């Protein structure tokens, strides 16, 4: 009887609840065992319980509290050399912020990038000197990648053989991080990959979570605009962009990216060159209408 492989364990660290839940669902659909933490401090407390270290830590680098290079150092001490530490963000951070991580993923990223990182790296042996390389995964607006440096060392299995074969599911064609305009409401390829990877109920819940989160953030952005709180306004647009990008909500992703790029003043209804918050709400309506009939008719193979 063939022994069943043990799924790779992933710890997701992100202060945004919707992002944690969404990324956790996508990873679990690929066969990973997932835990999450809402902050760097919470992650370190979780790792201090004496349980086996995860194979991979995915840590957002735009969180309150401990983050960046300091957080990476504490993670390394808590996890040991065999855990792969990947930073993630919806925008390119300074090199100093991610220099102590083993790599960087630009949101929205592909599940294939995680699978490749875990599968391709050579094992770490207990008596080997610590010689960790770097693997940086970065895409620009045209999809260009920076030249990768030496791959990290990690001893971790792939989630399963099916994941190794697919290598692109469920977000094979993740959206670029730069603003996207004049695009369809939904990226068909990403939707079909998600539909193949999970039951209809879970798919419906993921998209509902995304749209509801976007609506709540838009309401918050209206209040922030009235209060002239530009910094928090940009953070809300950034969060909408990240979640919508992972699910292939192309139109919402592009609008949120444009608002993040152009700032608070550009969101006024009279501003004709960029999208307003009312247009962002209308995009939520269009996505809901499209998904209403489509997700109800979806049957998981």
C-alpha atoms as a PDB file:
ATOM      1  CA  UNK A   1       0.000   0.000   0.000  1.00  0.00           C
ATOM      2  CA  UNK A   2       1.398   3.347  -1.038  1.00  0.00           C
ATOM      3  CA  UNK A   3       2.112   5.693   1.863  1.00  0.00           C
ATOM      4  CA  UNK A   4       0.078   8.888   1.835  1.00  0.00           C
ATOM      5  CA  UNK A   5       2.194  12.022   1.588  1.00  0.00           C
ATOM      6  CA  UNK A   6       1.969  14.559   4.394  1.00  0.00           C
ATOM      7  CA  UNK A   7       0.779  17.974   3.151  1.00  0.00           C
ATOM      8  CA  UNK A   8       3.168  20.870   3.440  1.00  0.00           C
ATOM      9  CA  UNK A   9       2.301  23.185   6.320  1.00  0.00           C
ATOM     10  CA  UNK A  10       1.878  26.885   5.596  1.00  0.00           C
ATOM     11  CA  UNK A  11       1.546  29.783   8.035  1.00  0.00           C
ATOM     12  CA  UNK A  12      -0.117  32.879   6.528  1.00  0.00           C
ATOM     13  CA  UNK A  13       0.607  36.146   8.355  1.00  0.00           C
ATOM     14  CA  UNK A  14      -1.532  39.100   7.260  1.00  0.00           C
ATOM     15  CA  UNK A  15      -3.329  41.805   9.226  1.00  0.00           C
ATOM     16  CA  UNK A  16      -6.215  41.858   6.741  1.00  0.00           C
ATOM     17  CA  UNK A  17      -8.830  39.236   7.703  1.00  0.00           C
ATOM     18  CA  UNK A  18     -10.246  38.867   4.187  1.00  0.00           C
ATOM     19  CA  UNK A  19      -6.794  38.338   2.696  1.00  0.00           C
ATOM     20  CA  UNK A  20      -5.988  35.672   5.302  1.00  0.00           C
ATOM     21  CA  UNK A  21      -9.225  33.818   4.674  1.00  0.00           C
ATOM     22  CA  UNK A  22      -8.977  34.053   0.901  1.00  0.00           C
ATOM     23  CA  UNK A  23      -5.359  32.955   0.707  1.00  0.00           C
ATOM     24  CA  UNK A  24      -6.023  30.170   3.207  1.00  0.00           C
ATOM     25  CA  UNK A  25      -8.896  28.848   1.080  1.00  0.00           C
ATOM     26  CA  UNK A  26      -6.805  28.922  -2.093  1.00  0.00           C
ATOM     27  CA  UNK A  27      -3.919  27.107  -0.399  1.00  0.00           C
ATOM     28  CA  UNK A  28      -6.194  24.486   1.153  1.00  0.00           C
ATOM     29  CA  UNK A  29      -7.756  23.852  -2.260  1.00  0.00           C
ATOM     30  CA  UNK A  30      -4.238  22.914  -3.396  1.00  0.00           C
ATOM     31  CA  UNK A  31      -3.816  20.466  -0.527  1.00  0.00           C
ATOM     32  CA  UNK A  32      -1.724  22.502   1.920  1.00  0.00           C
ATOM     33  CA  UNK A  33      -2.353  22.478   5.673  1.00  0.00           C
ATOM     34  CA  UNK A  34      -2.861  26.131   6.585  1.00  0.00           C
ATOM     35  CA  UNK A  35      -2.703  28.177   9.789  1.00  0.00           C
ATOM     36  CA  UNK A  36      -2.964  31.943   9.970  1.00  0.00           C
ATOM     37  CA  UNK A  37      -1.995  34.833  12.224  1.00  0.00           C
ATOM     38  CA  UNK A  38      -3.196  38.427  12.190  1.00  0.00           C
ATOM     39  CA  UNK A  39       0.145  40.029  13.047  1.00  0.00           C
ATOM     40  CA  UNK A  40       3.833  39.352  13.398  1.00  0.00           C
ATOM     41  CA  UNK A  41       3.456  39.214  17.160  1.00  0.00           C
ATOM     42  CA  UNK A  42       0.604  36.674  16.899  1.00  0.00           C
ATOM     43  CA  UNK A  43       2.651  34.542  14.500  1.00  0.00           C
ATOM     44  CA  UNK A  44       5.637  34.432  16.846  1.00  0.00           C
ATOM     45  CA  UNK A  45       3.372  33.498  19.755  1.00  0.00           C
ATOM     46  CA  UNK A  46       1.862  30.683  17.690  1.00  0.00           C
ATOM     47  CA  UNK A  47       5.313  29.418  16.718  1.00  0.00           C
ATOM     48  CA  UNK A  48       6.383  29.470  20.364  1.00  0.00           C
ATOM     49  CA  UNK A  49       3.887  26.779  21.376  1.00  0.00           C
ATOM     50  CA  UNK A  50       6.379  24.008  20.624  1.00  0.00           C
ATOM     51  CA  UNK A  51       4.609  22.537  17.591  1.00  0.00           C
ATOM     52  CA  UNK A  52       6.670  21.521  14.544  1.00  0.00           C
ATOM     53  CA  UNK A  53       7.728  24.494  12.463  1.00  0.00           C
ATOM     54  CA  UNK A  54       5.776  25.094   9.235  1.00  0.00           C
ATOM     55  CA  UNK A  55       7.360  24.312   5.886  1.00  0.00           C
ATOM     56  CA  UNK A  56       6.506  27.798   4.664  1.00  0.00           C
ATOM     57  CA  UNK A  57       5.668  31.178   6.176  1.00  0.00           C
ATOM     58  CA  UNK A  58       3.915  33.717   3.927  1.00  0.00           C
ATOM     59  CA  UNK A  59       4.190  37.113   5.612  1.00  0.00           C
ATOM     60  CA  UNK A  60       2.730  40.402   4.440  1.00  0.00           C
ATOM     61  CA  UNK A  61       5.243  43.217   4.798  1.00  0.00           C
ATOM     62  CA  UNK A  62       2.701  46.049   5.123  1.00  0.00           C
ATOM     63  CA  UNK A  63       1.327  45.324   8.595  1.00  0.00           C
ATOM     64  CA  UNK A  64       1.216  47.323  11.823  1.00  0.00           C
ATOM     65  CA  UNK A  65       3.644  46.173  14.498  1.00  0.00           C
ATOM     66  CA  UNK A  66       6.660  43.986  13.829  1.00  0.00           C
ATOM     67  CA  UNK A  67       7.293  43.431  10.130  1.00  0.00           C
ATOM     68  CA  UNK A  68       9.970  43.476   7.468  1.00  0.00           C
ATOM     69  CA  UNK A  69      13.560  42.532   8.171  1.00  0.00           C
ATOM     70  CA  UNK A  70      13.143  42.454  11.963  1.00  0.00           C
ATOM     71  CA  UNK A  71      10.216  40.066  11.653  1.00  0.00           C
ATOM     72  CA  UNK A  72      12.150  37.840   9.247  1.00  0.00           C
ATOM     73  CA  UNK A  73      14.993  37.529  11.767  1.00  0.00           C
ATOM     74  CA  UNK A  74      12.617  36.542  14.563  1.00  0.00           C
ATOM     75  CA  UNK A  75      10.870  34.050  12.269  1.00  0.00           C
ATOM     76  CA  UNK A  76      14.190  32.422  11.394  1.00  0.00           C
ATOM     77  CA  UNK A  77      15.078  31.985  15.057  1.00  0.00           C
ATOM     78  CA  UNK A  78      11.619  30.594  15.830  1.00  0.00           C
ATOM     79  CA  UNK A  79      11.367  28.241  12.842  1.00  0.00           C
ATOM     80  CA  UNK A  80      14.921  27.150  12.148  1.00  0.00           C
ATOM     81  CA  UNK A  81      16.718  26.794   8.824  1.00  0.00           C
ATOM     82  CA  UNK A  82      14.317  24.386   7.138  1.00  0.00           C
ATOM     83  CA  UNK A  83      11.342  26.794   6.924  1.00  0.00           C
ATOM     84  CA  UNK A  84      10.972  28.831   3.755  1.00  0.00           C
ATOM     85  CA  UNK A  85      10.218  32.480   4.538  1.00  0.00           C
ATOM     86  CA  UNK A  86       8.452  34.397   1.761  1.00  0.00           C
ATOM     87  CA  UNK A  87       7.448  38.034   2.082  1.00  0.00           C
ATOM     88  CA  UNK A  88       4.403  39.239   0.155  1.00  0.00           C
ATOM     89  CA  UNK A  89       2.827  42.570  -0.706  1.00  0.00           C
ATOM     90  CA  UNK A  90       0.626  44.239  -3.283  1.00  0.00           C
ATOM     91  CA  UNK A  91       3.409  46.682  -4.152  1.00  0.00           C
ATOM     92  CA  UNK A  92       7.169  46.469  -4.422  1.00  0.00           C
ATOM     93  CA  UNK A  93       8.792  47.131  -1.019  1.00  0.00           C
ATOM     94  CA  UNK A  94      12.326  48.461  -0.517  1.00  0.00           C
ATOM     95  CA  UNK A  95      15.037  45.817  -0.775  1.00  0.00           C
ATOM     96  CA  UNK A  96      15.966  46.361   2.870  1.00  0.00           C
ATOM     97  CA  UNK A  97      12.447  45.374   3.934  1.00  0.00           C
ATOM     98  CA  UNK A  98      12.630  41.902   2.380  1.00  0.00           C
ATOM     99  CA  UNK A  99      16.386  41.251   2.420  1.00  0.00           C
ATOM    100  CA  UNK A 100      16.234  38.705   5.265  1.00  0.00           C
ATOM    101  CA  UNK A 101      13.369  36.736   3.733  1.00  0.00           C
ATOM    102  CA  UNK A 102      14.091  33.898   1.311  1.00  0.00           C
ATOM    103  CA  UNK A 103      11.984  35.511  -1.394  1.00  0.00           C
ATOM    104  CA  UNK A 104       9.252  37.977  -2.253  1.00  0.00           C
ATOM    105  CA  UNK A 105       5.857  37.423  -3.895  1.00  0.00           C
ATOM    106  CA  UNK A 106       4.039  40.320  -5.513  1.00  0.00           C
ATOM    107  CA  UNK A 107       0.288  40.071  -4.907  1.00  0.00           C
ATOM    108  CA  UNK A 108      -1.681  38.706  -6.653  1.00  0.00           C
ATOM    109  CA  UNK A 109       0.633  35.737  -7.174  1.00  0.00           C
ATOM    110  CA  UNK A 110       0.161  32.257  -8.584  1.00  0.00           C
ATOM    111  CA  UNK A 111      -0.162  29.118  -6.535  1.00  0.00           C
ATOM    112  CA  UNK A 112       2.448  27.751  -8.944  1.00  0.00           C
ATOM    113  CA  UNK A 113       5.034  30.124  -7.467  1.00  0.00           C
ATOM    114  CA  UNK A 114       4.496  28.641  -4.018  1.00  0.00           C
ATOM    115  CA  UNK A 115       4.546  25.072  -5.326  1.00  0.00           C
ATOM    116  CA  UNK A 116       7.735  25.713  -7.283  1.00  0.00           C
ATOM    117  CA  UNK A 117       9.481  27.283  -4.290  1.00  0.00           C
ATOM    118  CA  UNK A 118       8.690  24.299  -2.083  1.00  0.00           C
ATOM    119  CA  UNK A 119       9.397  21.662  -4.703  1.00  0.00           C
ATOM    120  CA  UNK A 120      12.567  22.948  -6.364  1.00  0.00           C
ATOM    121  CA  UNK A 121      14.697  23.800  -3.357  1.00  0.00           C
ATOM    122  CA  UNK A 122      17.261  21.237  -2.135  1.00  0.00           C
ATOM    123  CA  UNK A 123      16.947  19.853   1.411  1.00  0.00           C
ATOM    124  CA  UNK A 124      18.682  21.332   4.435  1.00  0.00           C
ATOM    125  CA  UNK A 125      20.703  18.833   6.476  1.00  0.00           C
ATOM    126  CA  UNK A 126      21.198  19.285  10.181  1.00  0.00           C
ATOM    127  CA  UNK A 127      24.994  19.362  10.028  1.00  0.00           C
ATOM    128  CA  UNK A 128      25.300  21.578   6.965  1.00  0.00           C
ATOM    129  CA  UNK A 129      26.543  25.119   7.461  1.00  0.00           C
ATOM    130  CA  UNK A 130      23.782  27.648   6.985  1.00  0.00           C
ATOM    131  CA  UNK A 131      24.089  28.811   3.387  1.00  0.00           C
ATOM    132  CA  UNK A 132      20.769  30.226   2.323  1.00  0.00           C
ATOM    133  CA  UNK A 133      20.369  31.810  -1.074  1.00  0.00           C
ATOM    134  CA  UNK A 134      17.640  34.128  -2.294  1.00  0.00           C
ATOM    135  CA  UNK A 135      14.813  33.667  -4.758  1.00  0.00           C
ATOM    136  CA  UNK A 136      12.899  36.812  -5.638  1.00  0.00           C
ATOM    137  CA  UNK A 137       9.625  36.556  -7.534  1.00  0.00           C
ATOM    138  CA  UNK A 138       8.616  39.934  -8.957  1.00  0.00           C
ATOM    139  CA  UNK A 139       6.373  40.833 -11.884  1.00  0.00           C
ATOM    140  CA  UNK A 140       5.987  44.262 -13.391  1.00  0.00           C
ATOM    141  CA  UNK A 141       3.074  45.648 -15.397  1.00  0.00           C
ATOM    142  CA  UNK A 142       4.212  43.752 -18.480  1.00  0.00           C
ATOM    143  CA  UNK A 143       4.787  40.540 -16.566  1.00  0.00           C
ATOM    144  CA  UNK A 144       8.562  40.866 -16.613  1.00  0.00           C
ATOM    145  CA  UNK A 145      10.455  39.266 -13.763  1.00  0.00           C
ATOM    146  CA  UNK A 146      13.656  40.307 -12.115  1.00  0.00           C
ATOM    147  CA  UNK A 147      16.499  37.852 -12.534  1.00  0.00           C
ATOM    148  CA  UNK A 148      16.163  35.301  -9.716  1.00  0.00           C
ATOM    149  CA  UNK A 149      19.066  34.759  -7.391  1.00  0.00           C
ATOM    150  CA  UNK A 150      20.137  31.440  -5.904  1.00  0.00           C
ATOM    151  CA  UNK A 151      17.194  29.293  -4.793  1.00  0.00           C
ATOM    152  CA  UNK A 152      16.537  28.782  -1.103  1.00  0.00           C
ATOM    153  CA  UNK A 153      17.155  25.575   0.816  1.00  0.00           C
ATOM    154  CA  UNK A 154      14.156  23.776   2.291  1.00  0.00           C
ATOM    155  CA  UNK A 155      13.100  20.233   3.066  1.00  0.00           C
ATOM    156  CA  UNK A 156       9.361  20.266   2.318  1.00  0.00           C
ATOM    157  CA  UNK A 157       7.056  18.075   0.210  1.00  0.00           C
ATOM    158  CA  UNK A 158       4.737  19.354  -2.478  1.00  0.00           C
ATOM    159  CA  UNK A 159       1.100  19.486  -1.449  1.00  0.00           C
ATOM    160  CA  UNK A 160       0.311  16.492  -3.679  1.00  0.00           C
ATOM    161  CA  UNK A 161       1.084  14.994  -7.077  1.00  0.00           C
ATOM    162  CA  UNK A 162      -1.902  16.685  -8.687  1.00  0.00           C
ATOM    163  CA  UNK A 163      -0.591  20.086  -7.607  1.00  0.00           C
ATOM    164  CA  UNK A 164       2.775  19.267  -9.149  1.00  0.00           C
ATOM    165  CA  UNK A 165       1.117  18.391 -12.432  1.00  0.00           C
ATOM    166  CA  UNK A 166      -1.175  21.407 -12.560  1.00  0.00           C
ATOM    167  CA  UNK A 167       1.428  23.907 -11.332  1.00  0.00           C
ATOM    168  CA  UNK A 168      -0.873  26.783 -12.193  1.00  0.00           C
ATOM    169  CA  UNK A 169      -4.082  26.147 -10.302  1.00  0.00           C
ATOM    170  CA  UNK A 170      -6.004  27.956  -9.043  1.00  0.00           C
ATOM    171  CA  UNK A 171      -4.589  31.326 -10.096  1.00  0.00           C
ATOM    172  CA  UNK A 172      -2.416  30.492 -13.068  1.00  0.00           C
ATOM    173  CA  UNK A 173      -2.842  33.882 -14.683  1.00  0.00           C
ATOM    174  CA  UNK A 174      -2.850  36.166 -11.658  1.00  0.00           C
ATOM    175  CA  UNK A 175      -3.429  39.802 -12.517  1.00  0.00           C
ATOM    176  CA  UNK A 176      -0.543  42.289 -12.688  1.00  0.00           C
ATOM    177  CA  UNK A 177      -0.089  44.684  -9.821  1.00  0.00           C
ATOM    178  CA  UNK A 178      -0.229  47.844 -11.924  1.00  0.00           C
ATOM    179  CA  UNK A 179      -3.556  49.552 -12.721  1.00  0.00           C
ATOM    180  CA  UNK A 180      -5.612  47.732 -15.341  1.00  0.00           C
ATOM    181  CA  UNK A 181      -8.259  49.638 -17.277  1.00  0.00           C
ATOM    182  CA  UNK A 182     -10.873  48.722 -19.899  1.00  0.00           C
ATOM    183  CA  UNK A 183     -10.781  45.061 -18.892  1.00  0.00           C
ATOM    184  CA  UNK A 184     -13.598  42.496 -18.579  1.00  0.00           C
ATOM    185  CA  UNK A 185     -15.455  42.163 -15.299  1.00  0.00           C
ATOM    186  CA  UNK A 186     -13.989  38.708 -14.663  1.00  0.00           C
ATOM    187  CA  UNK A 187     -10.878  36.907 -15.863  1.00  0.00           C
ATOM    188  CA  UNK A 188     -12.316  33.774 -17.434  1.00  0.00           C
ATOM    189  CA  UNK A 189      -9.176  31.666 -17.115  1.00  0.00           C
ATOM    190  CA  UNK A 190      -8.769  32.366 -13.407  1.00  0.00           C
ATOM    191  CA  UNK A 191     -12.451  31.672 -12.797  1.00  0.00           C
ATOM    192  CA  UNK A 192     -12.317  28.316 -14.592  1.00  0.00           C
ATOM    193  CA  UNK A 193      -9.211  27.272 -12.656  1.00  0.00           C
ATOM    194  CA  UNK A 194     -10.927  28.121  -9.382  1.00  0.00           C
ATOM    195  CA  UNK A 195     -14.053  26.260 -10.486  1.00  0.00           C
ATOM    196  CA  UNK A 196     -12.003  23.127 -11.163  1.00  0.00           C
ATOM    197  CA  UNK A 197     -10.239  23.289  -7.809  1.00  0.00           C
ATOM    198  CA  UNK A 198     -13.165  23.567  -5.358  1.00  0.00           C
ATOM    199  CA  UNK A 199     -16.873  22.808  -4.848  1.00  0.00           C
ATOM    200  CA  UNK A 200     -19.512  25.310  -5.982  1.00  0.00           C
ATOM    201  CA  UNK A 201     -20.417  26.279  -2.409  1.00  0.00           C
ATOM    202  CA  UNK A 202     -16.847  27.214  -1.564  1.00  0.00           C
ATOM    203  CA  UNK A 203     -16.423  29.085  -4.845  1.00  0.00           C
ATOM    204  CA  UNK A 204     -19.611  31.046  -4.178  1.00  0.00           C
ATOM    205  CA  UNK A 205     -18.469  31.892  -0.658  1.00  0.00           C
ATOM    206  CA  UNK A 206     -15.064  33.124  -1.871  1.00  0.00           C
ATOM    207  CA  UNK A 207     -16.544  35.529  -4.398  1.00  0.00           C
ATOM    208  CA  UNK A 208     -19.242  36.698  -1.972  1.00  0.00           C
ATOM    209  CA  UNK A 209     -16.532  37.367   0.604  1.00  0.00           C
ATOM    210  CA  UNK A 210     -14.556  39.364  -1.945  1.00  0.00           C
ATOM    211  CA  UNK A 211     -17.508  41.501  -3.079  1.00  0.00           C
ATOM    212  CA  UNK A 212     -18.806  42.096   0.453  1.00  0.00           C
ATOM    213  CA  UNK A 213     -15.330  43.087   1.601  1.00  0.00           C
ATOM    214  CA  UNK A 214     -14.984  45.495  -1.342  1.00  0.00           C
ATOM    215  CA  UNK A 215     -18.352  47.090  -0.555  1.00  0.00           C
ATOM    216  CA  UNK A 216     -17.442  47.541   3.103  1.00  0.00           C
ATOM    217  CA  UNK A 217     -14.125  49.111   2.169  1.00  0.00           C
ATOM    218  CA  UNK A 218     -15.757  51.448  -0.348  1.00  0.00           C
ATOM    219  CA  UNK A 219     -18.110  52.676   2.405  1.00  0.00           C
ATOM    220  CA  UNK A 220     -15.068  53.246   4.609  1.00  0.00           C
ATOM    221  CA  UNK A 221     -13.302  55.078   1.768  1.00  0.00           C
ATOM    222  CA  UNK A 222     -16.264  57.482   1.461  1.00  0.00           C
ATOM    223  CA  UNK A 223     -15.823  58.381   5.140  1.00  0.00           C
ATOM    224  CA  UNK A 224     -12.063  58.672   4.754  1.00  0.00           C
ATOM    225  CA  UNK A 225     -12.506  60.976   1.771  1.00  0.00           C
ATOM    226  CA  UNK A 226     -14.790  63.237   3.838  1.00  0.00           C
ATOM    227  CA  UNK A 227     -12.168  63.225   6.610  1.00  0.00           C
ATOM    228  CA  UNK A 228      -9.331  63.840   4.092  1.00  0.00           C
ATOM    229  CA  UNK A 229      -7.456  60.794   5.439  1.00  0.00           C
ATOM    230  CA  UNK A 230      -5.394  60.034   2.359  1.00  0.00           C
ATOM    231  CA  UNK A 231      -3.061  57.458   3.926  1.00  0.00           C
ATOM    232  CA  UNK A 232      -5.822  55.152   5.173  1.00  0.00           C
ATOM    233  CA  UNK A 233      -7.744  55.698   1.919  1.00  0.00           C
ATOM    234  CA  UNK A 234      -4.786  54.268  -0.009  1.00  0.00           C
ATOM    235  CA  UNK A 235      -4.565  51.270   2.346  1.00  0.00           C
ATOM    236  CA  UNK A 236      -8.225  50.421   1.704  1.00  0.00           C
ATOM    237  CA  UNK A 237      -7.743  50.662  -2.077  1.00  0.00           C
ATOM    238  CA  UNK A 238      -4.637  48.502  -1.740  1.00  0.00           C
ATOM    239  CA  UNK A 239      -6.623  45.816   0.102  1.00  0.00           C
ATOM    240  CA  UNK A 240      -9.403  45.760  -2.524  1.00  0.00           C
ATOM    241  CA  UNK A 241      -6.813  45.437  -5.261  1.00  0.00           C
ATOM    242  CA  UNK A 242      -5.144  42.445  -3.608  1.00  0.00           C
ATOM    243  CA  UNK A 243      -8.265  40.387  -2.938  1.00  0.00           C
ATOM    244  CA  UNK A 244      -9.844  41.047  -6.313  1.00  0.00           C
ATOM    245  CA  UNK A 245      -6.616  40.215  -8.110  1.00  0.00           C
ATOM    246  CA  UNK A 246      -6.371  36.750  -6.530  1.00  0.00           C
ATOM    247  CA  UNK A 247      -9.928  35.915  -7.667  1.00  0.00           C
ATOM    248  CA  UNK A 248      -9.609  37.379 -11.147  1.00  0.00           C
ATOM    249  CA  UNK A 249     -12.075  40.233 -10.573  1.00  0.00           C
ATOM    250  CA  UNK A 250     -10.288  42.172 -13.293  1.00  0.00           C
ATOM    251  CA  UNK A 251     -12.398  45.312 -13.418  1.00  0.00           C
ATOM    252  CA  UNK A 252     -12.467  45.884  -9.660  1.00  0.00           C
ATOM    253  CA  UNK A 253      -8.763  45.104  -9.421  1.00  0.00           C
ATOM    254  CA  UNK A 254      -7.911  47.702 -12.058  1.00  0.00           C
ATOM    255  CA  UNK A 255     -10.130  50.394 -10.572  1.00  0.00           C
ATOM    256  CA  UNK A 256      -8.760  49.883  -7.069  1.00  0.00           C
ATOM    257  CA  UNK A 257      -5.202  49.948  -8.414  1.00  0.00           C
ATOM    258  CA  UNK A 258      -5.906  53.248 -10.187  1.00  0.00           C
ATOM    259  CA  UNK A 259      -7.337  54.761  -6.996  1.00  0.00           C
ATOM    260  CA  UNK A 260      -4.319  53.572  -5.023  1.00  0.00           C
ATOM    261  CA  UNK A 261      -1.973  55.060  -7.587  1.00  0.00           C
ATOM    262  CA  UNK A 262      -3.719  58.422  -7.953  1.00  0.00           C
ATOM    263  CA  UNK A 263      -4.738  59.050  -4.359  1.00  0.00           C
ATOM    264  CA  UNK A 264      -7.632  60.577  -2.474  1.00  0.00           C
ATOM    265  CA  UNK A 265      -8.201  63.665  -4.616  1.00  0.00           C
ATOM    266  CA  UNK A 266      -8.566  61.551  -7.754  1.00  0.00           C
ATOM    267  CA  UNK A 267     -11.551  59.664  -6.299  1.00  0.00           C
ATOM    268  CA  UNK A 268     -13.936  62.635  -6.502  1.00  0.00           C
ATOM    269  CA  UNK A 269     -16.936  62.060  -8.822  1.00  0.00           C
ATOM    270  CA  UNK A 270     -16.079  65.137 -10.876  1.00  0.00           C
ATOM    271  CA  UNK A 271     -12.613  63.790 -11.662  1.00  0.00           C
ATOM    272  CA  UNK A 272     -12.931  62.319 -15.163  1.00  0.00           C
ATOM    273  CA  UNK A 273      -9.487  60.828 -15.642  1.00  0.00           C
ATOM    274  CA  UNK A 274      -9.716  58.088 -12.999  1.00  0.00           C
ATOM    275  CA  UNK A 275     -12.389  55.970 -11.361  1.00  0.00           C
ATOM    276  CA  UNK A 276     -14.609  57.341  -8.600  1.00  0.00           C
ATOM    277  CA  UNK A 277     -15.911  55.418  -5.604  1.00  0.00           C
ATOM    278  CA  UNK A 278     -19.377  55.355  -7.189  1.00  0.00           C
ATOM    279  CA  UNK A 279     -17.895  53.619 -10.238  1.00  0.00           C
ATOM    280  CA  UNK A 280     -16.192  51.123  -7.936  1.00  0.00           C
ATOM    281  CA  UNK A 281     -19.588  50.339  -6.392  1.00  0.00           C
ATOM    282  CA  UNK A 282     -21.083  49.887  -9.862  1.00  0.00           C
ATOM    283  CA  UNK A 283     -18.281  47.432 -10.675  1.00  0.00           C
ATOM    284  CA  UNK A 284     -19.259  45.409  -7.581  1.00  0.00           C
ATOM    285  CA  UNK A 285     -22.820  45.277  -8.928  1.00  0.00           C
ATOM    286  CA  UNK A 286     -21.623  44.044 -12.318  1.00  0.00           C
ATOM    287  CA  UNK A 287     -19.479  41.332 -10.750  1.00  0.00           C
ATOM    288  CA  UNK A 288     -22.344  40.145  -8.543  1.00  0.00           C
ATOM    289  CA  UNK A 289     -24.724  39.936 -11.503  1.00  0.00           C
ATOM    290  CA  UNK A 290     -22.214  37.987 -13.568  1.00  0.00           C
ATOM    291  CA  UNK A 291     -21.419  35.573 -10.760  1.00  0.00           C
ATOM    292  CA  UNK A 292     -25.050  35.081  -9.736  1.00  0.00           C
ATOM    293  CA  UNK A 293     -25.977  32.764 -12.576  1.00  0.00           C
ATOM    294  CA  UNK A 294     -22.478  31.472 -13.265  1.00  0.00           C
ATOM    295  CA  UNK A 295     -21.627  30.164  -9.793  1.00  0.00           C
ATOM    296  CA  UNK A 296     -25.094  28.671  -9.299  1.00  0.00           C
ATOM    297  CA  UNK A 297     -24.591  26.620 -12.428  1.00  0.00           C
ATOM    298  CA  UNK A 298     -21.056  25.500 -11.527  1.00  0.00           C
ATOM    299  CA  UNK A 299     -20.515  21.811 -10.838  1.00  0.00           C
ATOM    300  CA  UNK A 300     -17.230  20.722  -9.284  1.00  0.00           C
ATOM    301  CA  UNK A 301     -15.742  17.766 -11.225  1.00  0.00           C
END
